[in-house]
């Protein structure tokens, strides 16, 4: 787990995503508190369920796997025994995500635009132009890229709503603005993006955004250290003062996480 957290810190800005899968029976409601107390700087994603792209082949914990940018399982095993190898593979995959990959130069160029720059409009144009005159042996890979463009675009389009539903409005605004920037040049996509951005200007959302800024200040007071009883108290005071808001509910959950005892049996 510490290795995955360090990897996320080092490579997250370049597109690396570490996903921690809980496998020792910890209750889902205890995970936020456990991670905050034991690993206060953690930025990885966590899950207690879902299908992993590999089978646990024995050997105990820790057990990890590395999935490449194209969905291929590249490595599986104990990360403590191969930290250098893992970092080399991650760096190679991140380089590939920027330059692109594929059976032909056009597919590679389009994926470089898509994954390396989030240039959806340019990537779509490259693929559309190529498909118009593509030979049969070229179409399969180009059509695969076209599907990837749409899947990635839909994911980014949905991100602001998902973040809002999780009461993470500030991140939602940023995600909406990024999406609008990345699809500029396609009138249909632009209209969708502008509607998403405007949704964050509704009065009730603006109120939550202001409250979230206050909540962020409280959380920032902890710095990179584990949460304390004083922080939990501040969070509960904030929740009580802003009762009925989404931020109050979020602060209550954070207070419970701050009060969690990782040594409890």
Foldseek 3Di string as FASTA:
>chain_A
DVLLQVCCVVCVVLPDADEAEDDDPDDPLQVLLLCLAPFVSGDHHYDPDDDDPDDDPDDDPDKDWDAAPVRHTDDIDHCVVPVPVVVVVVVVRSVCQQQADDPDPLNRNLSNCCRNPLQLVVSLVSLVVQCVDDDPVPNVSSVVSVVVSVVVLVVLLCVLVVCVVVLNNVVSLVSLVVSLVNDPPDVVSNVSSVVSNVVCVPPLNVVSVVLVVVVVVLVCVCPSHRADLVSLVVLQVSLVVVPPHPSSVVSPSVSVSSPDDNPDD
